[in-house]
Amino acid sequence: MAPEGFRLIPAPRPKRRGPKTNLYEDVIRAFMSSSEHSVIVELPDKQPLTIAKGLRRAISTLEVDVRVAVRKDSVYLLR
């Protein structure tokens, strides 16, 4: 028996919030199709560490040979 003062309401699991990996996969694909050896990645309203984490996850998913570096407030993609 549950204690008084609260109740449990059945509900579907909420969807995850935040950007999907597809955004970061698109950034990686664009970088791979360019001829640049290194670029700075800027995404509006995103913190550098958030961008770096998303890019690393996309690199892992796509299995490409690209590195991510964070220096001060900039995120770099490197070949």
N, C-alpha and C. Protein backbone atom coordinates (compact mmCIF):
# COMPACT_ATOMS: atom_id res chain seq x y z
N MET A 1 0.82 -1.17 0.00
CA MET A 1 0.00 0.00 0.00
C MET A 1 0.88 1.25 0.00
N ALA A 2 0.55 2.20 -0.84
CA ALA A 2 1.33 3.43 -0.97
C ALA A 2 0.97 4.41 0.13
N PRO A 3 1.94 5.19 0.60
CA PRO A 3 1.64 6.21 1.59
C PRO A 3 0.69 7.27 1.00
N GLU A 4 0.01 7.96 1.87
CA GLU A 4 -0.93 8.99 1.44
C GLU A 4 -0.18 10.23 0.96
N GLY A 5 -0.82 11.02 0.11
CA GLY A 5 -0.23 12.29 -0.31
C GLY A 5 0.36 12.29 -1.70
N PHE A 6 0.38 11.15 -2.38
CA PHE A 6 0.85 11.15 -3.76
C PHE A 6 0.11 10.08 -4.53
N ARG A 7 0.25 10.15 -5.85
CA ARG A 7 -0.36 9.13 -6.69
C ARG A 7 0.53 8.88 -7.90
N LEU A 8 0.45 7.72 -8.45
CA LEU A 8 1.21 7.34 -9.64
C LEU A 8 0.26 7.31 -10.82
N ILE A 9 0.61 8.06 -11.87
CA ILE A 9 -0.26 8.17 -13.04
C ILE A 9 0.44 7.51 -14.22
N PRO A 10 -0.14 6.50 -14.84
CA PRO A 10 0.48 5.88 -16.02
C PRO A 10 0.64 6.90 -17.15
N ALA A 11 1.80 6.91 -17.78
CA ALA A 11 2.07 7.84 -18.87
C ALA A 11 3.11 7.24 -19.80
N PRO A 12 3.07 7.58 -21.08
CA PRO A 12 4.11 7.08 -22.00
C PRO A 12 5.45 7.74 -21.69
N ARG A 13 6.51 7.06 -22.06
CA ARG A 13 7.85 7.59 -21.83
C ARG A 13 8.05 8.86 -22.65
N PRO A 14 8.58 9.93 -22.06
CA PRO A 14 8.78 11.18 -22.81
C PRO A 14 9.91 11.02 -23.82
N LYS A 15 9.79 11.76 -24.92
CA LYS A 15 10.84 11.73 -25.94
C LYS A 15 12.04 12.50 -25.46
N ARG A 16 13.22 12.13 -25.98
CA ARG A 16 14.44 12.84 -25.62
C ARG A 16 14.41 14.24 -26.20
N ARG A 17 14.96 15.15 -25.47
CA ARG A 17 15.05 16.52 -25.95
C ARG A 17 16.45 16.76 -26.46
N GLY A 18 16.60 17.82 -27.19
CA GLY A 18 17.91 18.19 -27.68
C GLY A 18 18.10 17.80 -29.13
N PRO A 19 19.21 18.25 -29.70
CA PRO A 19 19.43 17.99 -31.12
C PRO A 19 19.69 16.52 -31.38
N LYS A 20 19.25 16.08 -32.52
CA LYS A 20 19.51 14.71 -32.91
C LYS A 20 20.92 14.63 -33.47
N THR A 21 21.46 13.45 -33.48
CA THR A 21 22.81 13.26 -33.99
C THR A 21 22.88 13.65 -35.47
N ASN A 22 21.75 13.64 -36.18
CA ASN A 22 21.75 13.96 -37.60
C ASN A 22 22.36 15.32 -37.88
N LEU A 23 22.15 16.30 -37.02
CA LEU A 23 22.75 17.61 -37.19
C LEU A 23 24.26 17.50 -37.23
N TYR A 24 24.81 16.78 -36.28
CA TYR A 24 26.27 16.64 -36.20
C TYR A 24 26.80 15.73 -37.31
N GLU A 25 26.03 14.73 -37.71
CA GLU A 25 26.43 13.88 -38.83
C GLU A 25 26.49 14.71 -40.11
N ASP A 26 25.55 15.64 -40.28
CA ASP A 26 25.59 16.52 -41.46
C ASP A 26 26.83 17.40 -41.45
N VAL A 27 27.22 17.88 -40.27
CA VAL A 27 28.44 18.70 -40.16
C VAL A 27 29.65 17.86 -40.55
N ILE A 28 29.73 16.62 -40.06
CA ILE A 28 30.87 15.75 -40.38
C ILE A 28 30.89 15.44 -41.88
N ARG A 29 29.74 15.13 -42.45
CA ARG A 29 29.69 14.83 -43.90
C ARG A 29 30.13 16.05 -44.72
N ALA A 30 29.70 17.25 -44.33
CA ALA A 30 30.11 18.46 -45.04
C ALA A 30 31.62 18.66 -44.94
N PHE A 31 32.18 18.40 -43.77
CA PHE A 31 33.63 18.52 -43.59
C PHE A 31 34.36 17.49 -44.44
N MET A 32 33.86 16.27 -44.47
CA MET A 32 34.51 15.21 -45.25
C MET A 32 34.47 15.51 -46.75
N SER A 33 33.42 16.17 -47.21
CA SER A 33 33.32 16.48 -48.64
C SER A 33 34.12 17.73 -49.02
N SER A 34 34.57 18.49 -48.03
CA SER A 34 35.39 19.68 -48.31
C SER A 34 36.85 19.26 -48.45
N SER A 35 37.65 20.17 -48.94
CA SER A 35 39.08 19.88 -49.09
C SER A 35 39.91 20.46 -47.96
N GLU A 36 39.25 21.06 -46.97
CA GLU A 36 39.96 21.69 -45.85
C GLU A 36 40.55 20.64 -44.91
N HIS A 37 41.71 20.98 -44.33
CA HIS A 37 42.34 20.07 -43.37
C HIS A 37 41.87 20.32 -41.94
N SER A 38 41.41 21.55 -41.68
CA SER A 38 40.85 21.86 -40.36
C SER A 38 39.86 23.00 -40.50
N VAL A 39 38.84 22.96 -39.68
CA VAL A 39 37.80 24.00 -39.69
C VAL A 39 37.33 24.27 -38.27
N ILE A 40 36.77 25.45 -38.06
CA ILE A 40 36.11 25.78 -36.81
C ILE A 40 34.61 25.55 -37.03
N VAL A 41 33.98 24.88 -36.08
CA VAL A 41 32.55 24.60 -36.17
C VAL A 41 31.81 25.55 -35.22
N GLU A 42 30.86 26.30 -35.78
CA GLU A 42 30.04 27.19 -34.97
C GLU A 42 28.58 26.79 -35.16
N LEU A 43 27.89 26.57 -34.08
CA LEU A 43 26.45 26.30 -34.10
C LEU A 43 25.79 27.28 -33.15
N PRO A 44 24.77 28.00 -33.61
CA PRO A 44 24.15 29.00 -32.75
C PRO A 44 23.51 28.38 -31.51
N ASP A 45 23.64 29.07 -30.41
CA ASP A 45 23.02 28.67 -29.14
C ASP A 45 23.55 27.35 -28.60
N LYS A 46 24.75 26.95 -28.96
CA LYS A 46 25.34 25.71 -28.45
C LYS A 46 26.68 26.03 -27.78
N GLN A 47 26.91 25.40 -26.64
CA GLN A 47 28.18 25.56 -25.94
C GLN A 47 29.25 24.73 -26.63
N PRO A 48 30.50 25.15 -26.60
CA PRO A 48 31.57 24.40 -27.26
C PRO A 48 31.64 22.93 -26.84
N LEU A 49 31.49 22.63 -25.56
CA LEU A 49 31.57 21.24 -25.11
C LEU A 49 30.39 20.41 -25.62
N THR A 50 29.24 21.03 -25.76
CA THR A 50 28.08 20.35 -26.31
C THR A 50 28.31 20.00 -27.77
N ILE A 51 28.86 20.95 -28.53
CA ILE A 51 29.16 20.72 -29.93
C ILE A 51 30.19 19.60 -30.06
N ALA A 52 31.24 19.65 -29.26
CA ALA A 52 32.30 18.64 -29.32
C ALA A 52 31.75 17.25 -29.03
N LYS A 53 30.90 17.15 -28.03
CA LYS A 53 30.34 15.84 -27.68
C LYS A 53 29.47 15.30 -28.81
N GLY A 54 28.65 16.15 -29.40
CA GLY A 54 27.81 15.72 -30.52
C GLY A 54 28.63 15.31 -31.72
N LEU A 55 29.70 16.05 -32.00
CA LEU A 55 30.57 15.70 -33.13
C LEU A 55 31.29 14.38 -32.89
N ARG A 56 31.76 14.17 -31.68
CA ARG A 56 32.45 12.91 -31.37
C ARG A 56 31.50 11.72 -31.52
N ARG A 57 30.28 11.88 -31.10
CA ARG A 57 29.30 10.81 -31.24
C ARG A 57 29.03 10.54 -32.72
N ALA A 58 28.91 11.59 -33.53
CA ALA A 58 28.67 11.44 -34.96
C ALA A 58 29.86 10.78 -35.65
N ILE A 59 31.07 11.14 -35.24
CA ILE A 59 32.28 10.53 -35.81
C ILE A 59 32.29 9.04 -35.51
N SER A 60 31.92 8.68 -34.31
CA SER A 60 31.86 7.27 -33.93
C SER A 60 30.80 6.52 -34.75
N THR A 61 29.65 7.15 -34.94
CA THR A 61 28.57 6.53 -35.70
C THR A 61 28.96 6.34 -37.16
N LEU A 62 29.59 7.37 -37.75
CA LEU A 62 29.95 7.32 -39.16
C LEU A 62 31.25 6.56 -39.41
N GLU A 63 32.02 6.32 -38.34
CA GLU A 63 33.30 5.60 -38.43
C GLU A 63 34.24 6.24 -39.45
N VAL A 64 34.50 7.53 -39.26
CA VAL A 64 35.41 8.27 -40.13
C VAL A 64 36.64 8.69 -39.34
N ASP A 65 37.71 9.01 -40.05
CA ASP A 65 38.96 9.39 -39.42
C ASP A 65 39.04 10.91 -39.30
N VAL A 66 38.32 11.45 -38.33
CA VAL A 66 38.28 12.89 -38.05
C VAL A 66 38.46 13.07 -36.56
N ARG A 67 39.17 14.13 -36.18
CA ARG A 67 39.36 14.42 -34.76
C ARG A 67 38.68 15.73 -34.40
N VAL A 68 38.32 15.84 -33.13
CA VAL A 68 37.69 17.05 -32.60
C VAL A 68 38.64 17.64 -31.56
N ALA A 69 38.85 18.94 -31.64
CA ALA A 69 39.68 19.63 -30.65
C ALA A 69 38.91 20.85 -30.15
N VAL A 70 38.99 21.09 -28.84
CA VAL A 70 38.37 22.27 -28.25
C VAL A 70 39.48 23.14 -27.69
N ARG A 71 39.56 24.37 -28.17
CA ARG A 71 40.56 25.33 -27.70
C ARG A 71 39.84 26.62 -27.35
N LYS A 72 39.91 27.00 -26.10
CA LYS A 72 39.20 28.18 -25.58
C LYS A 72 37.73 28.03 -25.89
N ASP A 73 37.16 28.89 -26.70
CA ASP A 73 35.73 28.83 -27.02
C ASP A 73 35.48 28.35 -28.43
N SER A 74 36.42 27.65 -29.04
CA SER A 74 36.28 27.19 -30.41
C SER A 74 36.38 25.67 -30.50
N VAL A 75 35.60 25.10 -31.41
CA VAL A 75 35.62 23.66 -31.66
C VAL A 75 36.16 23.47 -33.07
N TYR A 76 37.19 22.63 -33.18
CA TYR A 76 37.84 22.38 -34.47
C TYR A 76 37.60 20.95 -34.91
N LEU A 77 37.45 20.77 -36.22
CA LEU A 77 37.48 19.43 -36.82
C LEU A 77 38.79 19.34 -37.57
N LEU A 78 39.48 18.23 -37.40
CA LEU A 78 40.81 18.03 -37.99
C LEU A 78 40.86 16.70 -38.73
N ARG A 79 41.55 16.70 -39.84
CA ARG A 79 41.77 15.44 -40.58
C ARG A 79 43.02 14.80 -40.08
